[in-house]
Amino acid sequence: MESEKHLIKVVLLSFLTFIIGTSGYMIIEGWNLIDAIYMTVITLTTVGYGEVKIVSTTGRIFTIFLIVVGCGQILYVAGVVVQYFIDGRIKDLMGRRKLDNKISKLKNHIIVCGYGRIGRVISESLREKREDVVVVEKDETLIKELDESGVLYITGDATDEENLIKAGIHRAEYLVAALATDSNNVFLVLTARQLNPHIFIMARAGNYKSKSKLITAGADKVEYPYDMGAFSMAMGVLRPTVTSFLDIAMGGKDKKIQIEEISVQESSSLVNVMLKDTGIRQKYELIIIAIKKEDGGMLFNPSFDTTIHSGDTVIAVGEKDNLIRLEKALNPKSFKR
């Protein structure tokens, strides 16, 4: 930023010198505008074509002054311009290398392909949960926004295998296909599934008919934003209080209260302990609304004598800080906060 301001100042100063030179010849020698401009240009650039007309003694003194001041300034401007582009290029290269180094160290991260309206919201939500996110985006107009927000990113087409490899798809746990068109998302899902058969792929469908194609291509889950939006509006009419609560719990206006799902590790001290003996309600001030078993079964509003097992997923609601404490107790090894 400072180098840009310095460059602008130097260029403006050079333009001012040009104006002074042109005005000087018009005033001192009485020349017309074209002759004055021509004389100023060949003087400042030291081309040496010769004087346009016979120059008076005062005019020659002015020319000497213009050569001394102007030529030095021209050389300085050239140096500043070259330095500006060299510094900018070096900065870009160093910044890109730093990003690549960070991405190369990630494991079990999330790749978001596309940083449009949907991709941006997804990325921000995931980063709020302190998840490692890498965005793949080809639109150069969005790169500055990615830089400013501090998001790790790869510049390029997300359907290109090379860019997915750079994003660490072989080490990633999830991939979100949020490109602008369904055809691109289908091709992206096919490519991603080929590169990493075990990655969980969430895809966005712009057209309802594209859902089946995305599933066939290898997506684990497909979301149709228009369905979700319409359902949310309907619930806002039919069950406004429930909708308000869910908005709060899912990270709406009051981000202190949230619903969180936490996987239970074998190393947790709460494994094989009944809910009544865990002290979750008293110690963490949380409400356990469901427990998803390892076989996929779901226990809603589990009773006090329900036992927590390794591989379960506990769904709890409460304040964010307390949820973090519970996650540390249930999932100690992979806790990254």
Protein backbone atom coordinates (compact mmCIF):
# COMPACT_ATOMS: atom_id res chain seq x y z
CA MET A 1 0.00 0.00 0.00
CA GLU A 2 2.79 2.42 0.90
CA SER A 3 4.68 1.56 -2.31
CA GLU A 4 1.55 2.34 -4.34
CA LYS A 5 1.19 5.74 -2.69
CA HIS A 6 4.88 6.49 -3.27
CA LEU A 7 4.55 5.52 -6.95
CA ILE A 8 1.54 7.80 -7.41
CA LYS A 9 3.34 10.74 -5.79
CA VAL A 10 6.40 10.29 -8.02
CA VAL A 11 4.27 10.06 -11.18
CA LEU A 12 2.33 13.20 -10.20
CA LEU A 13 5.58 15.03 -9.53
CA SER A 14 6.87 14.06 -12.97
CA PHE A 15 3.66 15.30 -14.56
CA LEU A 16 4.09 18.58 -12.67
CA THR A 17 7.63 18.94 -14.06
CA PHE A 18 6.26 18.39 -17.58
CA ILE A 19 3.63 21.11 -17.02
CA ILE A 20 6.27 23.51 -15.68
CA GLY A 21 8.52 22.84 -18.70
CA THR A 22 5.74 23.39 -21.22
CA SER A 23 4.49 26.54 -19.47
CA GLY A 24 8.05 27.87 -19.19
CA TYR A 25 8.72 27.72 -22.94
CA MET A 26 5.35 29.27 -23.69
CA ILE A 27 5.99 32.18 -21.28
CA ILE A 28 9.73 32.73 -21.86
CA GLU A 29 9.90 32.13 -25.62
CA GLY A 30 6.30 32.87 -26.56
CA TRP A 31 5.92 29.51 -28.36
CA ASN A 32 2.64 27.83 -29.12
CA LEU A 33 1.48 24.77 -27.12
CA ILE A 34 2.68 22.10 -29.57
CA ASP A 35 6.19 23.56 -29.89
CA ALA A 36 6.45 23.95 -26.11
CA ILE A 37 5.33 20.36 -25.49
CA TYR A 38 7.70 19.02 -28.15
CA MET A 39 10.67 20.92 -26.71
CA THR A 40 9.84 19.77 -23.17
CA VAL A 41 9.59 16.10 -24.22
CA ILE A 42 12.89 16.01 -26.14
CA THR A 43 14.61 17.88 -23.30
CA LEU A 44 13.36 15.61 -20.51
CA THR A 45 14.03 12.43 -22.48
CA THR A 46 17.44 13.72 -23.73
CA VAL A 47 16.59 12.59 -27.28
CA GLY A 48 18.67 15.43 -28.72
CA TYR A 49 16.77 16.26 -31.93
CA GLY A 50 17.81 19.90 -31.58
CA GLU A 51 15.98 23.04 -30.63
CA VAL A 52 12.59 23.70 -32.23
CA LYS A 53 13.40 27.36 -32.66
CA ILE A 54 16.21 29.67 -31.67
CA VAL A 55 16.23 29.80 -27.88
CA SER A 56 17.03 32.99 -25.98
CA THR A 57 19.62 33.15 -23.22
CA THR A 58 16.88 32.98 -20.61
CA GLY A 59 15.38 30.04 -22.47
CA ARG A 60 18.72 28.20 -22.48
CA ILE A 61 19.13 28.73 -18.72
CA PHE A 62 15.61 27.37 -18.27
CA THR A 63 16.48 24.37 -20.51
CA ILE A 64 19.59 23.61 -18.42
CA PHE A 65 17.44 23.71 -15.29
CA LEU A 66 14.85 21.43 -16.92
CA ILE A 67 17.53 18.92 -18.00
CA VAL A 68 19.15 18.75 -14.56
CA VAL A 69 15.87 18.46 -12.66
CA GLY A 70 13.85 16.54 -15.22
CA CYS A 71 16.38 13.89 -16.29
CA GLY A 72 17.18 12.98 -12.70
CA GLN A 73 13.51 12.74 -11.99
CA ILE A 74 12.82 10.55 -15.05
CA LEU A 75 15.52 8.09 -13.96
CA TYR A 76 14.14 8.06 -10.42
CA VAL A 77 10.59 7.40 -11.67
CA ALA A 78 11.83 4.53 -13.84
CA GLY A 79 13.61 3.02 -10.84
CA VAL A 80 10.54 3.36 -8.63
CA VAL A 81 8.30 1.74 -11.27
CA VAL A 82 10.67 -1.20 -11.74
CA GLN A 83 11.04 -1.61 -7.97
CA TYR A 84 7.27 -1.51 -7.53
CA PHE A 85 6.68 -4.37 -9.97
CA ILE A 86 9.62 -6.40 -8.62
CA ASP A 87 8.44 -5.98 -5.01
CA GLY A 88 4.89 -6.84 -6.00
CA ARG A 89 5.97 -9.96 -7.83
CA ILE A 90 8.22 -11.08 -4.97
CA LYS A 91 5.43 -10.41 -2.48
CA ASP A 92 3.00 -12.49 -4.55
CA LEU A 93 5.48 -15.36 -4.85
CA MET A 94 6.31 -15.32 -1.14
CA GLY A 95 2.65 -15.10 -0.20
CA ARG A 96 1.75 -17.99 -2.49
CA ARG A 97 4.59 -20.10 -1.12
CA LYS A 98 3.45 -19.40 2.44
CA LEU A 99 -0.10 -20.46 1.58
CA ASP A 100 1.13 -23.63 -0.15
CA ASN A 101 3.23 -24.55 2.90
CA LYS A 102 0.23 -24.16 5.21
CA ILE A 103 -2.00 -26.22 2.93
CA SER A 104 0.60 -28.98 2.62
CA LYS A 105 0.53 -29.47 6.41
CA LEU A 106 -3.24 -29.90 6.66
CA LYS A 107 -4.93 -33.23 7.35
CA ASN A 108 -8.62 -34.11 7.61
CA HIS A 109 -9.48 -30.63 6.40
CA ILE A 110 -12.41 -29.37 4.31
CA ILE A 111 -12.12 -28.28 0.68
CA VAL A 112 -14.74 -25.78 -0.49
CA CYS A 113 -14.90 -25.47 -4.27
CA GLY A 114 -16.38 -22.15 -5.30
CA TYR A 115 -16.40 -18.91 -3.28
CA GLY A 116 -19.67 -17.47 -4.55
CA ARG A 117 -22.59 -16.60 -2.30
CA ILE A 118 -23.06 -20.16 -1.04
CA GLY A 119 -19.36 -21.06 -0.88
CA ARG A 120 -18.57 -17.89 1.08
CA VAL A 121 -21.24 -18.57 3.72
CA ILE A 122 -20.11 -22.21 4.04
CA SER A 123 -16.46 -21.20 4.45
CA GLU A 124 -17.25 -18.54 7.06
CA SER A 125 -19.45 -20.95 9.03
CA LEU A 126 -16.81 -23.68 9.01
CA ARG A 127 -14.07 -21.27 10.06
CA GLU A 128 -16.23 -20.05 12.95
CA LYS A 129 -16.16 -23.66 14.13
CA ARG A 130 -12.36 -23.47 13.80
CA GLU A 131 -12.27 -26.06 11.06
CA ASP A 132 -9.38 -26.10 8.57
CA VAL A 133 -10.75 -24.89 5.24
CA VAL A 134 -9.14 -24.61 1.79
CA VAL A 135 -11.06 -22.77 -0.92
CA VAL A 136 -10.55 -23.46 -4.63
CA GLU A 137 -11.66 -20.46 -6.73
CA LYS A 138 -10.80 -19.35 -10.26
CA ASP A 139 -12.42 -15.89 -10.25
CA GLU A 140 -9.57 -13.41 -9.86
CA THR A 141 -11.95 -10.74 -8.55
CA LEU A 142 -12.53 -12.86 -5.43
CA ILE A 143 -8.85 -13.52 -4.67
CA LYS A 144 -8.35 -10.16 -2.95
CA GLU A 145 -11.32 -10.92 -0.70
CA LEU A 146 -9.82 -14.32 0.15
CA ASP A 147 -6.48 -12.67 0.97
CA GLU A 148 -8.12 -10.10 3.23
CA SER A 149 -10.21 -12.70 5.06
CA GLY A 150 -7.18 -14.93 5.70
CA VAL A 151 -8.72 -18.00 4.04
CA LEU A 152 -6.34 -20.59 2.63
CA TYR A 153 -7.01 -20.90 -1.08
CA ILE A 154 -5.91 -22.29 -4.43
CA THR A 155 -6.39 -20.13 -7.51
CA GLY A 156 -7.72 -22.11 -10.45
CA ASP A 157 -10.48 -24.32 -11.82
CA ALA A 158 -11.79 -26.71 -9.16
CA THR A 159 -12.53 -29.34 -11.82
CA ASP A 160 -8.81 -29.55 -12.61
CA GLU A 161 -7.15 -32.52 -10.90
CA GLU A 162 -3.95 -30.57 -10.32
CA ASN A 163 -5.75 -27.87 -8.31
CA LEU A 164 -7.56 -30.45 -6.18
CA ILE A 165 -4.24 -32.17 -5.48
CA LYS A 166 -2.73 -28.81 -4.47
CA ALA A 167 -5.68 -28.34 -2.11
CA GLY A 168 -4.70 -31.64 -0.46
CA ILE A 169 -7.63 -33.78 -1.57
CA HIS A 170 -5.76 -37.00 -0.69
CA ARG A 171 -5.56 -35.83 2.95
CA ALA A 172 -8.93 -34.06 3.15
CA GLU A 173 -11.95 -35.44 4.99
CA TYR A 174 -14.70 -33.43 3.27
CA LEU A 175 -15.25 -31.67 -0.05
CA VAL A 176 -18.04 -29.18 -0.76
CA ALA A 177 -18.99 -28.75 -4.42
CA ALA A 178 -20.50 -25.26 -4.63
CA LEU A 179 -19.65 -24.24 -8.19
CA ALA A 180 -21.95 -22.04 -10.24
CA THR A 181 -23.36 -24.71 -12.57
CA ASP A 182 -24.59 -28.26 -12.00
CA SER A 183 -22.53 -29.58 -14.91
CA ASN A 184 -19.35 -28.29 -13.30
CA ASN A 185 -20.36 -29.75 -9.95
CA VAL A 186 -21.04 -33.16 -11.54
CA PHE A 187 -17.60 -33.14 -13.19
CA LEU A 188 -16.00 -31.96 -9.95
CA VAL A 189 -17.64 -34.77 -7.96
CA LEU A 190 -16.49 -37.36 -10.50
CA THR A 191 -12.92 -36.02 -10.38
CA ALA A 192 -12.83 -35.76 -6.59
CA ARG A 193 -14.24 -39.26 -6.10
CA GLN A 194 -11.60 -40.67 -8.45
CA LEU A 195 -8.78 -38.92 -6.58
CA ASN A 196 -10.04 -39.84 -3.10
CA PRO A 197 -12.60 -42.68 -2.91
CA HIS A 198 -13.06 -42.17 0.86
CA ILE A 199 -13.69 -38.43 1.02
CA PHE A 200 -17.19 -37.25 2.04
CA ILE A 201 -18.62 -35.08 -0.73
CA MET A 202 -21.40 -32.56 -0.17
CA ALA A 203 -22.73 -31.06 -3.42
CA ARG A 204 -25.01 -28.15 -4.26
CA ALA A 205 -27.70 -28.67 -6.89
CA GLY A 206 -29.01 -25.64 -8.74
CA ASN A 207 -31.67 -27.74 -10.45
CA TYR A 208 -33.79 -30.34 -8.68
CA LYS A 209 -33.27 -32.82 -11.55
CA SER A 210 -29.50 -32.65 -11.02
CA LYS A 211 -29.71 -34.31 -7.60
CA SER A 212 -29.74 -37.85 -8.99
CA LYS A 213 -26.86 -37.07 -11.36
CA LEU A 214 -24.71 -35.75 -8.53
CA ILE A 215 -25.48 -38.82 -6.40
CA THR A 216 -24.61 -41.09 -9.34
CA ALA A 217 -21.37 -39.15 -9.87
CA GLY A 218 -20.33 -39.95 -6.31
CA ALA A 219 -21.73 -37.27 -3.99
CA ASP A 220 -22.59 -38.53 -0.50
CA LYS A 221 -25.15 -35.80 0.09
CA VAL A 222 -26.80 -33.26 -2.20
CA GLU A 223 -28.53 -30.09 -1.05
CA TYR A 224 -31.00 -28.07 -3.11
CA PRO A 225 -30.89 -24.52 -1.65
CA TYR A 226 -34.31 -23.58 -3.01
CA ASP A 227 -35.94 -26.48 -1.15
CA MET A 228 -34.18 -25.50 2.06
CA GLY A 229 -35.12 -21.85 1.67
CA ALA A 230 -38.76 -22.63 0.90
CA PHE A 231 -39.02 -25.04 3.85
CA SER A 232 -37.46 -22.46 6.19
CA MET A 233 -39.99 -19.83 5.06
CA ALA A 234 -42.88 -22.25 5.55
CA MET A 235 -41.69 -23.10 9.07
CA GLY A 236 -41.36 -19.38 9.78
CA VAL A 237 -45.09 -19.08 9.12
CA LEU A 238 -46.27 -22.32 10.74
CA ARG A 239 -43.86 -22.52 13.70
CA PRO A 240 -42.31 -19.06 14.22
CA THR A 241 -41.15 -19.75 17.79
CA VAL A 242 -39.47 -23.01 16.84
CA THR A 243 -37.85 -21.31 13.84
CA SER A 244 -36.55 -18.48 16.03
CA PHE A 245 -35.04 -20.98 18.45
CA LEU A 246 -33.37 -22.92 15.64
CA ASP A 247 -32.01 -19.69 14.14
CA ILE A 248 -30.40 -18.91 17.48
CA ALA A 249 -29.15 -22.45 18.06
CA MET A 250 -27.72 -22.78 14.55
CA GLY A 251 -25.60 -19.65 14.92
CA GLY A 252 -28.01 -16.84 14.20
CA LYS A 253 -28.26 -13.56 16.09
CA ASP A 254 -27.11 -14.95 19.44
CA LYS A 255 -24.04 -17.05 18.71
CA LYS A 256 -23.58 -17.92 22.38
CA ILE A 257 -26.35 -20.56 22.20
CA GLN A 258 -25.70 -23.35 19.71
CA ILE A 259 -26.53 -26.91 18.79
CA GLU A 260 -23.42 -29.03 18.38
CA GLU A 261 -22.71 -32.66 17.48
CA ILE A 262 -19.69 -34.21 19.17
CA SER A 263 -18.21 -37.60 18.38
CA VAL A 264 -17.19 -39.76 21.33
CA GLN A 265 -13.67 -41.18 21.34
CA GLU A 266 -12.60 -44.33 23.10
CA SER A 267 -10.10 -42.31 25.14
CA SER A 268 -12.87 -40.18 26.68
CA SER A 269 -13.42 -40.55 30.43
CA LEU A 270 -17.19 -40.55 29.80
CA VAL A 271 -17.22 -43.74 27.71
CA ASN A 272 -19.43 -46.47 29.20
CA VAL A 273 -20.85 -43.98 31.70
CA MET A 274 -24.60 -43.36 32.12
CA LEU A 275 -25.85 -39.86 31.41
CA LYS A 276 -26.95 -39.43 35.02
CA ASP A 277 -23.37 -40.09 36.16
CA THR A 278 -21.59 -37.90 33.58
CA GLY A 279 -22.58 -34.65 35.25
CA ILE A 280 -23.12 -33.08 31.82
CA ARG A 281 -26.22 -31.20 32.93
CA GLN A 282 -24.69 -29.96 36.18
CA LYS A 283 -21.06 -29.45 35.14
CA TYR A 284 -21.54 -28.09 31.62
CA GLU A 285 -25.12 -26.73 31.85
CA LEU A 286 -26.03 -28.44 28.58
CA ILE A 287 -29.05 -30.37 27.35
CA ILE A 288 -28.47 -33.64 25.46
CA ILE A 289 -31.25 -33.76 22.87
CA ALA A 290 -30.12 -36.89 20.99
CA ILE A 291 -27.42 -39.53 20.68
CA LYS A 292 -26.61 -41.06 17.31
CA LYS A 293 -25.31 -44.60 17.66
CA GLU A 294 -22.45 -46.01 15.61
CA ASP A 295 -24.89 -48.17 13.62
CA GLY A 296 -26.85 -45.06 12.56
CA GLY A 297 -29.69 -45.39 15.05
CA MET A 298 -30.86 -42.19 16.73
CA LEU A 299 -31.97 -41.88 20.37
CA PHE A 300 -34.03 -38.72 20.81
CA ASN A 301 -34.31 -37.26 24.31
CA PRO A 302 -32.20 -40.08 25.81
CA SER A 303 -33.15 -41.20 29.31
CA PHE A 304 -30.91 -40.64 32.32
CA ASP A 305 -29.79 -44.30 32.32
CA THR A 306 -28.59 -44.18 28.67
CA THR A 307 -24.92 -45.18 28.44
CA ILE A 308 -22.45 -43.27 26.26
CA HIS A 309 -20.33 -45.55 24.08
CA SER A 310 -17.27 -45.01 21.91
CA GLY A 311 -18.34 -44.15 18.36
CA ASP A 312 -21.52 -42.39 19.49
CA THR A 313 -22.30 -38.85 18.39
CA VAL A 314 -23.77 -36.67 21.10
CA ILE A 315 -26.05 -33.82 20.03
CA ALA A 316 -26.18 -31.10 22.68
CA VAL A 317 -27.55 -27.58 23.00
CA GLY A 318 -26.23 -24.82 25.20
CA GLU A 319 -23.71 -22.00 25.41
CA LYS A 320 -20.78 -22.15 23.02
CA ASP A 321 -18.08 -22.18 25.72
CA ASN A 322 -19.74 -25.08 27.55
CA LEU A 323 -20.04 -27.03 24.30
CA ILE A 324 -16.31 -26.58 23.77
CA ARG A 325 -15.64 -27.95 27.25
CA LEU A 326 -17.84 -30.97 26.56
CA GLU A 327 -16.09 -31.61 23.26
CA LYS A 328 -12.79 -31.61 25.08
CA ALA A 329 -14.14 -34.28 27.44
CA LEU A 330 -15.72 -36.46 24.74
CA ASN A 331 -13.15 -36.00 21.99
CA PRO A 332 -9.84 -35.23 23.74
CA LYS A 333 -7.31 -36.42 21.13
CA SER A 334 -8.59 -34.54 18.12
CA PHE A 335 -9.56 -31.43 20.09
CA LYS A 336 -7.91 -28.59 18.19
CA ARG A 337 -8.97 -25.47 20.07
